[in-house]
Amino acid sequence: MRAAPSVVPTLDDLQYFGWRAAAACAGLPPEVVFARRAADAAPALLACSRCPVLRQCEESVAPAESWFDGVSAGRLWRNGRPVNLERGRRPRSASTSASTAASTLTSTPTPTSVSAKNDD
């Protein structure tokens, strides 16, 4: 079997590999394209940002129907579901931090006052 092209596809490559020859991820190692973690899939996701065949990729792979794990059509998929790459990356805003601090202060129990003994 022929290896996937790593540069600009030739006419022979296009005839043999079809749309896959034009994919920006052609030539990337399988462990990158089929990675389950965003950090491992980063090179494939970057390649997708300049890929001319995103539509064909998603139609062919059909990640939601095939329980796909890896990168397809510019998204990371795990068990056929797109992974939210923004989760946990957003910095907390100052207003969120302030409201969290305020709610912590108001919900903190106050010590009960001890009544003084009178030794009269």
PDB file of N, CA and C in Angstrom:
ATOM      1  N   MET A   1       0.843  -1.180   0.000  1.00  0.00           N
ATOM      2  CA  MET A   1       0.000   0.000   0.000  1.00  0.00           C
ATOM      3  C   MET A   1       0.878   1.229   0.000  1.00  0.00           C
ATOM      4  N   ARG A   2       0.449   2.249  -0.678  1.00  0.00           N
ATOM      5  CA  ARG A   2       1.217   3.485  -0.778  1.00  0.00           C
ATOM      6  C   ARG A   2       1.055   4.321   0.484  1.00  0.00           C
ATOM      7  N   ALA A   3       2.092   5.077   0.793  1.00  0.00           N
ATOM      8  CA  ALA A   3       2.047   5.963   1.960  1.00  0.00           C
ATOM      9  C   ALA A   3       1.312   7.242   1.591  1.00  0.00           C
ATOM     10  N   ALA A   4       0.653   7.840   2.558  1.00  0.00           N
ATOM     11  CA  ALA A   4      -0.047   9.101   2.330  1.00  0.00           C
ATOM     12  C   ALA A   4       0.965  10.193   2.002  1.00  0.00           C
ATOM     13  N   PRO A   5       0.614  11.112   1.115  1.00  0.00           N
ATOM     14  CA  PRO A   5       1.544  12.177   0.746  1.00  0.00           C
ATOM     15  C   PRO A   5       1.773  13.132   1.896  1.00  0.00           C
ATOM     16  N   SER A   6       2.965  13.687   1.964  1.00  0.00           N
ATOM     17  CA  SER A   6       3.261  14.618   3.048  1.00  0.00           C
ATOM     18  C   SER A   6       3.413  16.044   2.548  1.00  0.00           C
ATOM     19  N   VAL A   7       3.378  16.222   1.223  1.00  0.00           N
ATOM     20  CA  VAL A   7       3.515  17.559   0.652  1.00  0.00           C
ATOM     21  C   VAL A   7       2.293  17.816  -0.235  1.00  0.00           C
ATOM     22  N   VAL A   8       2.453  18.580  -1.296  1.00  0.00           N
ATOM     23  CA  VAL A   8       1.354  18.865  -2.207  1.00  0.00           C
ATOM     24  C   VAL A   8       1.016  17.589  -2.983  1.00  0.00           C
ATOM     25  N   PRO A   9      -0.259  17.216  -2.996  1.00  0.00           N
ATOM     26  CA  PRO A   9      -0.620  15.962  -3.658  1.00  0.00           C
ATOM     27  C   PRO A   9      -0.484  16.061  -5.178  1.00  0.00           C
ATOM     28  N   THR A  10      -0.039  14.975  -5.786  1.00  0.00           N
ATOM     29  CA  THR A  10       0.036  14.892  -7.241  1.00  0.00           C
ATOM     30  C   THR A  10      -1.291  14.358  -7.766  1.00  0.00           C
ATOM     31  N   LEU A  11      -1.455  14.362  -9.077  1.00  0.00           N
ATOM     32  CA  LEU A  11      -2.673  13.830  -9.670  1.00  0.00           C
ATOM     33  C   LEU A  11      -2.828  12.347  -9.341  1.00  0.00           C
ATOM     34  N   ASP A  12      -1.709  11.610  -9.334  1.00  0.00           N
ATOM     35  CA  ASP A  12      -1.757  10.190  -8.966  1.00  0.00           C
ATOM     36  C   ASP A  12      -2.235  10.018  -7.525  1.00  0.00           C
ATOM     37  N   ASP A  13      -1.731  10.875  -6.639  1.00  0.00           N
ATOM     38  CA  ASP A  13      -2.150  10.807  -5.233  1.00  0.00           C
ATOM     39  C   ASP A  13      -3.654  11.061  -5.107  1.00  0.00           C
ATOM     40  N   LEU A  14      -4.139  12.080  -5.811  1.00  0.00           N
ATOM     41  CA  LEU A  14      -5.563  12.404  -5.738  1.00  0.00           C
ATOM     42  C   LEU A  14      -6.417  11.259  -6.269  1.00  0.00           C
ATOM     43  N   GLN A  15      -5.954  10.599  -7.317  1.00  0.00           N
ATOM     44  CA  GLN A  15      -6.723   9.482  -7.861  1.00  0.00           C
ATOM     45  C   GLN A  15      -6.709   8.293  -6.901  1.00  0.00           C
ATOM     46  N   TYR A  16      -5.586   8.073  -6.248  1.00  0.00           N
ATOM     47  CA  TYR A  16      -5.468   6.918  -5.351  1.00  0.00           C
ATOM     48  C   TYR A  16      -6.128   7.171  -3.999  1.00  0.00           C
ATOM     49  N   PHE A  17      -5.857   8.335  -3.409  1.00  0.00           N
ATOM     50  CA  PHE A  17      -6.349   8.634  -2.062  1.00  0.00           C
ATOM     51  C   PHE A  17      -7.631   9.454  -2.049  1.00  0.00           C
ATOM     52  N   GLY A  18      -8.030  10.012  -3.165  1.00  0.00           N
ATOM     53  CA  GLY A  18      -9.219  10.858  -3.204  1.00  0.00           C
ATOM     54  C   GLY A  18      -9.002  12.128  -2.393  1.00  0.00           C
ATOM     55  N   TRP A  19     -10.032  12.570  -1.694  1.00  0.00           N
ATOM     56  CA  TRP A  19      -9.951  13.814  -0.936  1.00  0.00           C
ATOM     57  C   TRP A  19      -8.894  13.746   0.160  1.00  0.00           C
ATOM     58  N   ARG A  20      -8.579  12.555   0.633  1.00  0.00           N
ATOM     59  CA  ARG A  20      -7.601  12.395   1.719  1.00  0.00           C
ATOM     60  C   ARG A  20      -6.218  12.916   1.335  1.00  0.00           C
ATOM     61  N   ALA A  21      -5.902  12.868   0.042  1.00  0.00           N
ATOM     62  CA  ALA A  21      -4.593  13.357  -0.415  1.00  0.00           C
ATOM     63  C   ALA A  21      -4.475  14.859  -0.227  1.00  0.00           C
ATOM     64  N   ALA A  22      -5.601  15.563  -0.253  1.00  0.00           N
ATOM     65  CA  ALA A  22      -5.578  17.016  -0.095  1.00  0.00           C
ATOM     66  C   ALA A  22      -5.730  17.441   1.364  1.00  0.00           C
ATOM     67  N   ALA A  23      -5.956  16.499   2.258  1.00  0.00           N
ATOM     68  CA  ALA A  23      -6.151  16.820   3.679  1.00  0.00           C
ATOM     69  C   ALA A  23      -4.866  17.389   4.277  1.00  0.00           C
ATOM     70  N   ALA A  24      -5.009  18.429   5.065  1.00  0.00           N
ATOM     71  CA  ALA A  24      -3.846  19.064   5.701  1.00  0.00           C
ATOM     72  C   ALA A  24      -3.180  18.132   6.704  1.00  0.00           C
ATOM     73  N   CYS A  25      -3.884  17.152   7.192  1.00  0.00           N
ATOM     74  CA  CYS A  25      -3.309  16.223   8.174  1.00  0.00           C
ATOM     75  C   CYS A  25      -2.606  15.033   7.522  1.00  0.00           C
ATOM     76  N   ALA A  26      -2.650  14.954   6.196  1.00  0.00           N
ATOM     77  CA  ALA A  26      -1.981  13.839   5.509  1.00  0.00           C
ATOM     78  C   ALA A  26      -0.503  13.849   5.886  1.00  0.00           C
ATOM     79  N   GLY A  27      -0.022  12.734   6.323  1.00  0.00           N
ATOM     80  CA  GLY A  27       1.376  12.635   6.723  1.00  0.00           C
ATOM     81  C   GLY A  27       1.598  12.771   8.215  1.00  0.00           C
ATOM     82  N   LEU A  28       0.587  13.202   8.971  1.00  0.00           N
ATOM     83  CA  LEU A  28       0.734  13.260  10.428  1.00  0.00           C
ATOM     84  C   LEU A  28       0.645  11.843  10.988  1.00  0.00           C
ATOM     85  N   PRO A  29       1.347  11.588  12.075  1.00  0.00           N
ATOM     86  CA  PRO A  29       1.292  10.242  12.657  1.00  0.00           C
ATOM     87  C   PRO A  29      -0.116   9.908  13.166  1.00  0.00           C
ATOM     88  N   PRO A  30      -0.508   8.655  13.076  1.00  0.00           N
ATOM     89  CA  PRO A  30      -1.845   8.246  13.541  1.00  0.00           C
ATOM     90  C   PRO A  30      -2.108   8.600  15.004  1.00  0.00           C
ATOM     91  N   GLU A  31      -1.073   8.542  15.855  1.00  0.00           N
ATOM     92  CA  GLU A  31      -1.304   8.854  17.268  1.00  0.00           C
ATOM     93  C   GLU A  31      -1.684  10.313  17.493  1.00  0.00           C
ATOM     94  N   VAL A  32      -1.416  11.177  16.524  1.00  0.00           N
ATOM     95  CA  VAL A  32      -1.828  12.584  16.606  1.00  0.00           C
ATOM     96  C   VAL A  32      -3.267  12.725  16.098  1.00  0.00           C
ATOM     97  N   VAL A  33      -3.558  12.133  14.960  1.00  0.00           N
ATOM     98  CA  VAL A  33      -4.886  12.247  14.356  1.00  0.00           C
ATOM     99  C   VAL A  33      -5.943  11.524  15.188  1.00  0.00           C
ATOM    100  N   PHE A  34      -5.575  10.410  15.811  1.00  0.00           N
ATOM    101  CA  PHE A  34      -6.537   9.635  16.590  1.00  0.00           C
ATOM    102  C   PHE A  34      -6.348   9.813  18.096  1.00  0.00           C
ATOM    103  N   ALA A  35      -5.758  10.929  18.492  1.00  0.00           N
ATOM    104  CA  ALA A  35      -5.544  11.225  19.915  1.00  0.00           C
ATOM    105  C   ALA A  35      -6.876  11.501  20.596  1.00  0.00           C
ATOM    106  N   ARG A  36      -6.937  11.200  21.880  1.00  0.00           N
ATOM    107  CA  ARG A  36      -8.144  11.469  22.673  1.00  0.00           C
ATOM    108  C   ARG A  36      -8.000  12.732  23.510  1.00  0.00           C
ATOM    109  N   ARG A  37      -6.763  13.185  23.709  1.00  0.00           N
ATOM    110  CA  ARG A  37      -6.513  14.389  24.520  1.00  0.00           C
ATOM    111  C   ARG A  37      -6.154  15.558  23.621  1.00  0.00           C
ATOM    112  N   ALA A  38      -6.615  16.751  23.976  1.00  0.00           N
ATOM    113  CA  ALA A  38      -6.387  17.953  23.169  1.00  0.00           C
ATOM    114  C   ALA A  38      -4.897  18.246  23.003  1.00  0.00           C
ATOM    115  N   ALA A  39      -4.120  18.048  24.053  1.00  0.00           N
ATOM    116  CA  ALA A  39      -2.684  18.337  23.966  1.00  0.00           C
ATOM    117  C   ALA A  39      -2.005  17.440  22.936  1.00  0.00           C
ATOM    118  N   ASP A  40      -2.398  16.182  22.884  1.00  0.00           N
ATOM    119  CA  ASP A  40      -1.817  15.243  21.923  1.00  0.00           C
ATOM    120  C   ASP A  40      -2.316  15.504  20.505  1.00  0.00           C
ATOM    121  N   ALA A  41      -3.540  16.023  20.378  1.00  0.00           N
ATOM    122  CA  ALA A  41      -4.162  16.253  19.074  1.00  0.00           C
ATOM    123  C   ALA A  41      -3.866  17.630  18.507  1.00  0.00           C
ATOM    124  N   ALA A  42      -3.150  18.467  19.232  1.00  0.00           N
ATOM    125  CA  ALA A  42      -2.917  19.853  18.815  1.00  0.00           C
ATOM    126  C   ALA A  42      -2.378  19.990  17.389  1.00  0.00           C
ATOM    127  N   PRO A  43      -1.387  19.201  16.954  1.00  0.00           N
ATOM    128  CA  PRO A  43      -0.911  19.353  15.568  1.00  0.00           C
ATOM    129  C   PRO A  43      -2.003  19.060  14.528  1.00  0.00           C
ATOM    130  N   ALA A  44      -2.850  18.083  14.791  1.00  0.00           N
ATOM    131  CA  ALA A  44      -3.937  17.773  13.855  1.00  0.00           C
ATOM    132  C   ALA A  44      -4.983  18.882  13.854  1.00  0.00           C
ATOM    133  N   LEU A  45      -5.299  19.419  15.023  1.00  0.00           N
ATOM    134  CA  LEU A  45      -6.262  20.519  15.088  1.00  0.00           C
ATOM    135  C   LEU A  45      -5.727  21.752  14.378  1.00  0.00           C
ATOM    136  N   LEU A  46      -4.442  22.003  14.494  1.00  0.00           N
ATOM    137  CA  LEU A  46      -3.816  23.120  13.781  1.00  0.00           C
ATOM    138  C   LEU A  46      -3.883  22.890  12.276  1.00  0.00           C
ATOM    139  N   ALA A  47      -3.629  21.674  11.836  1.00  0.00           N
ATOM    140  CA  ALA A  47      -3.709  21.350  10.411  1.00  0.00           C
ATOM    141  C   ALA A  47      -5.125  21.588   9.886  1.00  0.00           C
ATOM    142  N   CYS A  48      -6.131  21.254  10.677  1.00  0.00           N
ATOM    143  CA  CYS A  48      -7.521  21.456  10.264  1.00  0.00           C
ATOM    144  C   CYS A  48      -7.830  22.923   9.982  1.00  0.00           C
ATOM    145  N   SER A  49      -7.154  23.811  10.679  1.00  0.00           N
ATOM    146  CA  SER A  49      -7.440  25.245  10.503  1.00  0.00           C
ATOM    147  C   SER A  49      -7.100  25.731   9.101  1.00  0.00           C
ATOM    148  N   ARG A  50      -6.293  24.975   8.366  1.00  0.00           N
ATOM    149  CA  ARG A  50      -5.948  25.364   6.996  1.00  0.00           C
ATOM    150  C   ARG A  50      -6.351  24.301   5.971  1.00  0.00           C
ATOM    151  N   CYS A  51      -7.211  23.383   6.366  1.00  0.00           N
ATOM    152  CA  CYS A  51      -7.555  22.236   5.522  1.00  0.00           C
ATOM    153  C   CYS A  51      -8.666  22.574   4.521  1.00  0.00           C
ATOM    154  N   PRO A  52      -8.470  22.191   3.257  1.00  0.00           N
ATOM    155  CA  PRO A  52      -9.485  22.474   2.236  1.00  0.00           C
ATOM    156  C   PRO A  52     -10.595  21.419   2.143  1.00  0.00           C
ATOM    157  N   VAL A  53     -10.514  20.346   2.914  1.00  0.00           N
ATOM    158  CA  VAL A  53     -11.485  19.250   2.758  1.00  0.00           C
ATOM    159  C   VAL A  53     -12.209  18.913   4.064  1.00  0.00           C
ATOM    160  N   LEU A  54     -12.510  19.912   4.861  1.00  0.00           N
ATOM    161  CA  LEU A  54     -13.192  19.666   6.144  1.00  0.00           C
ATOM    162  C   LEU A  54     -14.540  18.978   5.947  1.00  0.00           C
ATOM    163  N   ARG A  55     -15.307  19.448   4.976  1.00  0.00           N
ATOM    164  CA  ARG A  55     -16.642  18.881   4.754  1.00  0.00           C
ATOM    165  C   ARG A  55     -16.541  17.406   4.380  1.00  0.00           C
ATOM    166  N   GLN A  56     -15.648  17.071   3.453  1.00  0.00           N
ATOM    167  CA  GLN A  56     -15.487  15.685   3.042  1.00  0.00           C
ATOM    168  C   GLN A  56     -15.007  14.820   4.209  1.00  0.00           C
ATOM    169  N   CYS A  57     -14.156  15.382   5.042  1.00  0.00           N
ATOM    170  CA  CYS A  57     -13.645  14.666   6.208  1.00  0.00           C
ATOM    171  C   CYS A  57     -14.784  14.289   7.143  1.00  0.00           C
ATOM    172  N   GLU A  58     -15.612  15.244   7.481  1.00  0.00           N
ATOM    173  CA  GLU A  58     -16.706  14.949   8.410  1.00  0.00           C
ATOM    174  C   GLU A  58     -17.729  13.997   7.791  1.00  0.00           C
ATOM    175  N   GLU A  59     -18.007  14.171   6.491  1.00  0.00           N
ATOM    176  CA  GLU A  59     -18.963  13.272   5.834  1.00  0.00           C
ATOM    177  C   GLU A  59     -18.439  11.839   5.782  1.00  0.00           C
ATOM    178  N   SER A  60     -17.169  11.684   5.499  1.00  0.00           N
ATOM    179  CA  SER A  60     -16.584  10.347   5.367  1.00  0.00           C
ATOM    180  C   SER A  60     -16.415   9.661   6.717  1.00  0.00           C
ATOM    181  N   VAL A  61     -15.898  10.401   7.688  1.00  0.00           N
ATOM    182  CA  VAL A  61     -15.646   9.827   9.012  1.00  0.00           C
ATOM    183  C   VAL A  61     -16.949   9.633   9.780  1.00  0.00           C
ATOM    184  N   ALA A  62     -17.894  10.554   9.613  1.00  0.00           N
ATOM    185  CA  ALA A  62     -19.170  10.520  10.341  1.00  0.00           C
ATOM    186  C   ALA A  62     -18.923  10.251  11.822  1.00  0.00           C
ATOM    187  N   PRO A  63     -18.181  11.144  12.496  1.00  0.00           N
ATOM    188  CA  PRO A  63     -17.758  10.862  13.876  1.00  0.00           C
ATOM    189  C   PRO A  63     -18.901  10.599  14.851  1.00  0.00           C
ATOM    190  N   ALA A  64     -20.011  11.279  14.704  1.00  0.00           N
ATOM    191  CA  ALA A  64     -21.117  11.087  15.649  1.00  0.00           C
ATOM    192  C   ALA A  64     -21.784   9.726  15.478  1.00  0.00           C
ATOM    193  N   GLU A  65     -21.789   9.200  14.263  1.00  0.00           N
ATOM    194  CA  GLU A  65     -22.426   7.909  14.016  1.00  0.00           C
ATOM    195  C   GLU A  65     -21.491   6.731  14.281  1.00  0.00           C
ATOM    196  N   SER A  66     -20.184   6.985  14.293  1.00  0.00           N
ATOM    197  CA  SER A  66     -19.235   5.873  14.393  1.00  0.00           C
ATOM    198  C   SER A  66     -18.496   5.805  15.735  1.00  0.00           C
ATOM    199  N   TRP A  67     -18.907   6.597  16.693  1.00  0.00           N
ATOM    200  CA  TRP A  67     -18.246   6.623  17.997  1.00  0.00           C
ATOM    201  C   TRP A  67     -16.750   6.895  17.830  1.00  0.00           C
ATOM    202  N   PHE A  68     -16.427   7.816  16.969  1.00  0.00           N
ATOM    203  CA  PHE A  68     -15.061   8.130  16.578  1.00  0.00           C
ATOM    204  C   PHE A  68     -14.274   8.764  17.712  1.00  0.00           C
ATOM    205  N   ASP A  69     -13.005   8.408  17.810  1.00  0.00           N
ATOM    206  CA  ASP A  69     -12.049   9.046  18.719  1.00  0.00           C
ATOM    207  C   ASP A  69     -10.943   9.645  17.867  1.00  0.00           C
ATOM    208  N   GLY A  70     -10.734  10.949  18.005  1.00  0.00           N
ATOM    209  CA  GLY A  70      -9.664  11.604  17.266  1.00  0.00           C
ATOM    210  C   GLY A  70     -10.124  12.921  16.684  1.00  0.00           C
ATOM    211  N   VAL A  71      -9.370  13.411  15.705  1.00  0.00           N
ATOM    212  CA  VAL A  71      -9.653  14.701  15.083  1.00  0.00           C
ATOM    213  C   VAL A  71     -10.322  14.472  13.741  1.00  0.00           C
ATOM    214  N   SER A  72     -11.438  15.145  13.530  1.00  0.00           N
ATOM    215  CA  SER A  72     -12.144  15.114  12.252  1.00  0.00           C
ATOM    216  C   SER A  72     -12.830  16.453  12.054  1.00  0.00           C
ATOM    217  N   ALA A  73     -12.631  17.031  10.886  1.00  0.00           N
ATOM    218  CA  ALA A  73     -13.316  18.271  10.492  1.00  0.00           C
ATOM    219  C   ALA A  73     -13.070  19.425  11.472  1.00  0.00           C
ATOM    220  N   GLY A  74     -11.877  19.504  11.981  1.00  0.00           N
ATOM    221  CA  GLY A  74     -11.513  20.631  12.833  1.00  0.00           C
ATOM    222  C   GLY A  74     -11.919  20.512  14.286  1.00  0.00           C
ATOM    223  N   ARG A  75     -12.424  19.360  14.681  1.00  0.00           N
ATOM    224  CA  ARG A  75     -12.841  19.150  16.069  1.00  0.00           C
ATOM    225  C   ARG A  75     -12.246  17.866  16.616  1.00  0.00           C
ATOM    226  N   LEU A  76     -12.065  17.841  17.917  1.00  0.00           N
ATOM    227  CA  LEU A  76     -11.632  16.633  18.609  1.00  0.00           C
ATOM    228  C   LEU A  76     -12.884  15.899  19.056  1.00  0.00           C
ATOM    229  N   TRP A  77     -12.918  14.615  18.760  1.00  0.00           N
ATOM    230  CA  TRP A  77     -14.070  13.779  19.092  1.00  0.00           C
ATOM    231  C   TRP A  77     -13.650  12.687  20.059  1.00  0.00           C
ATOM    232  N   ARG A  78     -14.520  12.381  21.009  1.00  0.00           N
ATOM    233  CA  ARG A  78     -14.298  11.271  21.930  1.00  0.00           C
ATOM    234  C   ARG A  78     -15.618  10.509  22.040  1.00  0.00           C
ATOM    235  N   ASN A  79     -15.573   9.242  21.665  1.00  0.00           N
ATOM    236  CA  ASN A  79     -16.773   8.394  21.668  1.00  0.00           C
ATOM    237  C   ASN A  79     -17.901   8.998  20.836  1.00  0.00           C
ATOM    238  N   GLY A  80     -17.531   9.616  19.712  1.00  0.00           N
ATOM    239  CA  GLY A  80     -18.523  10.172  18.803  1.00  0.00           C
ATOM    240  C   GLY A  80     -19.127  11.490  19.234  1.00  0.00           C
ATOM    241  N   ARG A  81     -18.555  12.103  20.246  1.00  0.00           N
ATOM    242  CA  ARG A  81     -19.056  13.404  20.720  1.00  0.00           C
ATOM    243  C   ARG A  81     -17.942  14.429  20.653  1.00  0.00           C
ATOM    244  N   PRO A  82     -18.259  15.656  20.197  1.00  0.00           N
ATOM    245  CA  PRO A  82     -17.214  16.681  20.142  1.00  0.00           C
ATOM    246  C   PRO A  82     -16.765  17.076  21.546  1.00  0.00           C
ATOM    247  N   VAL A  83     -15.469  17.239  21.706  1.00  0.00           N
ATOM    248  CA  VAL A  83     -14.890  17.625  22.989  1.00  0.00           C
ATOM    249  C   VAL A  83     -14.882  19.142  23.076  1.00  0.00           C
ATOM    250  N   ASN A  84     -15.327  19.666  24.195  1.00  0.00           N
ATOM    251  CA  ASN A  84     -15.303  21.106  24.422  1.00  0.00           C
ATOM    252  C   ASN A  84     -13.881  21.509  24.807  1.00  0.00           C
ATOM    253  N   LEU A  85     -13.174  22.140  23.881  1.00  0.00           N
ATOM    254  CA  LEU A  85     -11.778  22.505  24.126  1.00  0.00           C
ATOM    255  C   LEU A  85     -11.644  23.764  24.958  1.00  0.00           C
ATOM    256  N   GLU A  86     -12.726  24.493  25.149  1.00  0.00           N
ATOM    257  CA  GLU A  86     -12.684  25.724  25.935  1.00  0.00           C
ATOM    258  C   GLU A  86     -12.885  25.482  27.420  1.00  0.00           C
ATOM    259  N   ARG A  87     -13.409  24.322  27.789  1.00  0.00           N
ATOM    260  CA  ARG A  87     -13.712  24.037  29.197  1.00  0.00           C
ATOM    261  C   ARG A  87     -12.430  24.058  30.021  1.00  0.00           C
ATOM    262  N   GLY A  88     -12.443  24.842  31.069  1.00  0.00           N
ATOM    263  CA  GLY A  88     -11.309  24.890  31.976  1.00  0.00           C
ATOM    264  C   GLY A  88     -10.194  25.815  31.518  1.00  0.00           C
ATOM    265  N   ARG A  89     -10.351  26.454  30.384  1.00  0.00           N
ATOM    266  CA  ARG A  89      -9.290  27.331  29.888  1.00  0.00           C
ATOM    267  C   ARG A  89      -9.579  28.802  30.108  1.00  0.00           C
ATOM    268  N   ARG A  90     -10.818  29.134  30.393  1.00  0.00           N
ATOM    269  CA  ARG A  90     -11.167  30.539  30.542  1.00  0.00           C
ATOM    270  C   ARG A  90     -10.711  31.053  31.901  1.00  0.00           C
ATOM    271  N   PRO A  91     -10.001  32.174  31.878  1.00  0.00           N
ATOM    272  CA  PRO A  91      -9.599  32.742  33.164  1.00  0.00           C
ATOM    273  C   PRO A  91     -10.814  33.304  33.885  1.00  0.00           C
ATOM    274  N   ARG A  92     -10.770  33.266  35.193  1.00  0.00           N
ATOM    275  CA  ARG A  92     -11.869  33.813  35.980  1.00  0.00           C
ATOM    276  C   ARG A  92     -11.824  35.320  35.909  1.00  0.00           C
ATOM    277  N   SER A  93     -12.963  35.932  35.706  1.00  0.00           N
ATOM    278  CA  SER A  93     -13.013  37.390  35.648  1.00  0.00           C
ATOM    279  C   SER A  93     -12.986  37.961  37.056  1.00  0.00           C
ATOM    280  N   ALA A  94     -12.669  39.232  37.150  1.00  0.00           N
ATOM    281  CA  ALA A  94     -12.589  39.883  38.456  1.00  0.00           C
ATOM    282  C   ALA A  94     -13.951  39.902  39.140  1.00  0.00           C
ATOM    283  N   SER A  95     -15.029  40.104  38.366  1.00  0.00           N
ATOM    284  CA  SER A  95     -16.359  40.142  38.971  1.00  0.00           C
ATOM    285  C   SER A  95     -16.746  38.763  39.514  1.00  0.00           C
ATOM    286  N   THR A  96     -16.371  37.704  38.793  1.00  0.00           N
ATOM    287  CA  THR A  96     -16.665  36.353  39.284  1.00  0.00           C
ATOM    288  C   THR A  96     -15.903  36.075  40.567  1.00  0.00           C
ATOM    289  N   SER A  97     -14.628  36.471  40.610  1.00  0.00           N
ATOM    290  CA  SER A  97     -13.823  36.260  41.809  1.00  0.00           C
ATOM    291  C   SER A  97     -14.379  37.041  42.983  1.00  0.00           C
ATOM    292  N   ALA A  98     -14.807  38.285  42.719  1.00  0.00           N
ATOM    293  CA  ALA A  98     -15.337  39.120  43.781  1.00  0.00           C
ATOM    294  C   ALA A  98     -16.645  38.554  44.321  1.00  0.00           C
ATOM    295  N   SER A  99     -17.527  38.084  43.421  1.00  0.00           N
ATOM    296  CA  SER A  99     -18.801  37.552  43.898  1.00  0.00           C
ATOM    297  C   SER A  99     -18.588  36.246  44.659  1.00  0.00           C
ATOM    298  N   THR A 100     -17.622  35.443  44.229  1.00  0.00           N
ATOM    299  CA  THR A 100     -17.313  34.210  44.947  1.00  0.00           C
ATOM    300  C   THR A 100     -16.783  34.530  46.332  1.00  0.00           C
ATOM    301  N   ALA A 101     -15.896  35.510  46.428  1.00  0.00           N
ATOM    302  CA  ALA A 101     -15.345  35.903  47.725  1.00  0.00           C
ATOM    303  C   ALA A 101     -16.440  36.452  48.625  1.00  0.00           C
ATOM    304  N   ALA A 102     -17.348  37.261  48.056  1.00  0.00           N
ATOM    305  CA  ALA A 102     -18.429  37.835  48.847  1.00  0.00           C
ATOM    306  C   ALA A 102     -19.356  36.753  49.370  1.00  0.00           C
ATOM    307  N   SER A 103     -19.682  35.773  48.536  1.00  0.00           N
ATOM    308  CA  SER A 103     -20.574  34.716  49.005  1.00  0.00           C
ATOM    309  C   SER A 103     -19.904  33.859  50.072  1.00  0.00           C
ATOM    310  N   THR A 104     -18.595  33.703  49.983  1.00  0.00           N
ATOM    311  CA  THR A 104     -17.869  32.950  50.998  1.00  0.00           C
ATOM    312  C   THR A 104     -17.910  33.688  52.326  1.00  0.00           C
ATOM    313  N   LEU A 105     -17.748  35.015  52.261  1.00  0.00           N
ATOM    314  CA  LEU A 105     -17.771  35.804  53.487  1.00  0.00           C
ATOM    315  C   LEU A 105     -19.134  35.786  54.143  1.00  0.00           C
ATOM    316  N   THR A 106     -20.184  35.874  53.348  1.00  0.00           N
ATOM    317  CA  THR A 106     -21.520  35.915  53.933  1.00  0.00           C
ATOM    318  C   THR A 106     -21.969  34.542  54.414  1.00  0.00           C
ATOM    319  N   SER A 107     -21.416  33.489  53.853  1.00  0.00           N
ATOM    320  CA  SER A 107     -21.863  32.161  54.270  1.00  0.00           C
ATOM    321  C   SER A 107     -21.003  31.571  55.384  1.00  0.00           C
ATOM    322  N   THR A 108     -19.961  32.270  55.786  1.00  0.00           N
ATOM    323  CA  THR A 108     -19.100  31.765  56.842  1.00  0.00           C
ATOM    324  C   THR A 108     -19.808  31.918  58.176  1.00  0.00           C
ATOM    325  N   PRO A 109     -19.926  30.857  58.941  1.00  0.00           N
ATOM    326  CA  PRO A 109     -20.615  30.969  60.228  1.00  0.00           C
ATOM    327  C   PRO A 109     -19.825  31.849  61.198  1.00  0.00           C
ATOM    328  N   THR A 110     -20.553  32.615  61.975  1.00  0.00           N
ATOM    329  CA  THR A 110     -19.898  33.472  62.962  1.00  0.00           C
ATOM    330  C   THR A 110     -19.867  32.746  64.288  1.00  0.00           C
ATOM    331  N   PRO A 111     -18.826  32.972  65.060  1.00  0.00           N
ATOM    332  CA  PRO A 111     -18.768  32.291  66.369  1.00  0.00           C
ATOM    333  C   PRO A 111     -19.872  32.812  67.281  1.00  0.00           C
ATOM    334  N   THR A 112     -20.400  31.948  68.090  1.00  0.00           N
ATOM    335  CA  THR A 112     -21.447  32.363  69.016  1.00  0.00           C
ATOM    336  C   THR A 112     -20.798  33.092  70.185  1.00  0.00           C
ATOM    337  N   SER A 113     -21.491  34.077  70.659  1.00  0.00           N
ATOM    338  CA  SER A 113     -20.915  34.830  71.777  1.00  0.00           C
ATOM    339  C   SER A 113     -21.151  34.065  73.078  1.00  0.00           C
ATOM    340  N   VAL A 114     -20.186  34.122  73.934  1.00  0.00           N
ATOM    341  CA  VAL A 114     -20.258  33.433  75.205  1.00  0.00           C
ATOM    342  C   VAL A 114     -20.741  34.462  76.223  1.00  0.00           C
ATOM    343  N   SER A 115     -21.759  34.110  76.933  1.00  0.00           N
ATOM    344  CA  SER A 115     -22.242  35.067  77.942  1.00  0.00           C
ATOM    345  C   SER A 115     -21.297  35.043  79.141  1.00  0.00           C
ATOM    346  N   ALA A 116     -21.081  36.223  79.678  1.00  0.00           N
ATOM    347  CA  ALA A 116     -20.178  36.347  80.828  1.00  0.00           C
ATOM    348  C   ALA A 116     -20.904  35.899  82.084  1.00  0.00           C
ATOM    349  N   LYS A 117     -20.196  35.250  82.947  1.00  0.00           N
ATOM    350  CA  LYS A 117     -20.772  34.809  84.206  1.00  0.00           C
ATOM    351  C   LYS A 117     -20.729  35.956  85.183  1.00  0.00           C
ATOM    352  N   ASN A 118     -21.770  36.100  85.887  1.00  0.00           N
ATOM    353  CA  ASN A 118     -21.781  37.101  86.966  1.00  0.00           C
ATOM    354  C   ASN A 118     -21.566  36.359  88.272  1.00  0.00           C
ATOM    355  N   ASP A 119     -20.547  36.767  88.979  1.00  0.00           N
ATOM    356  CA  ASP A 119     -20.278  36.155  90.270  1.00  0.00           C
ATOM    357  C   ASP A 119     -20.835  36.998  91.403  1.00  0.00           C
ATOM    358  N   ASP A 120     -21.949  37.555  91.228  1.00  0.00           N
ATOM    359  CA  ASP A 120     -22.512  38.388  92.292  1.00  0.00           C
ATOM    360  C   ASP A 120     -22.906  37.626  93.472  1.00  0.00           C
TER     361      ASP A 120
END
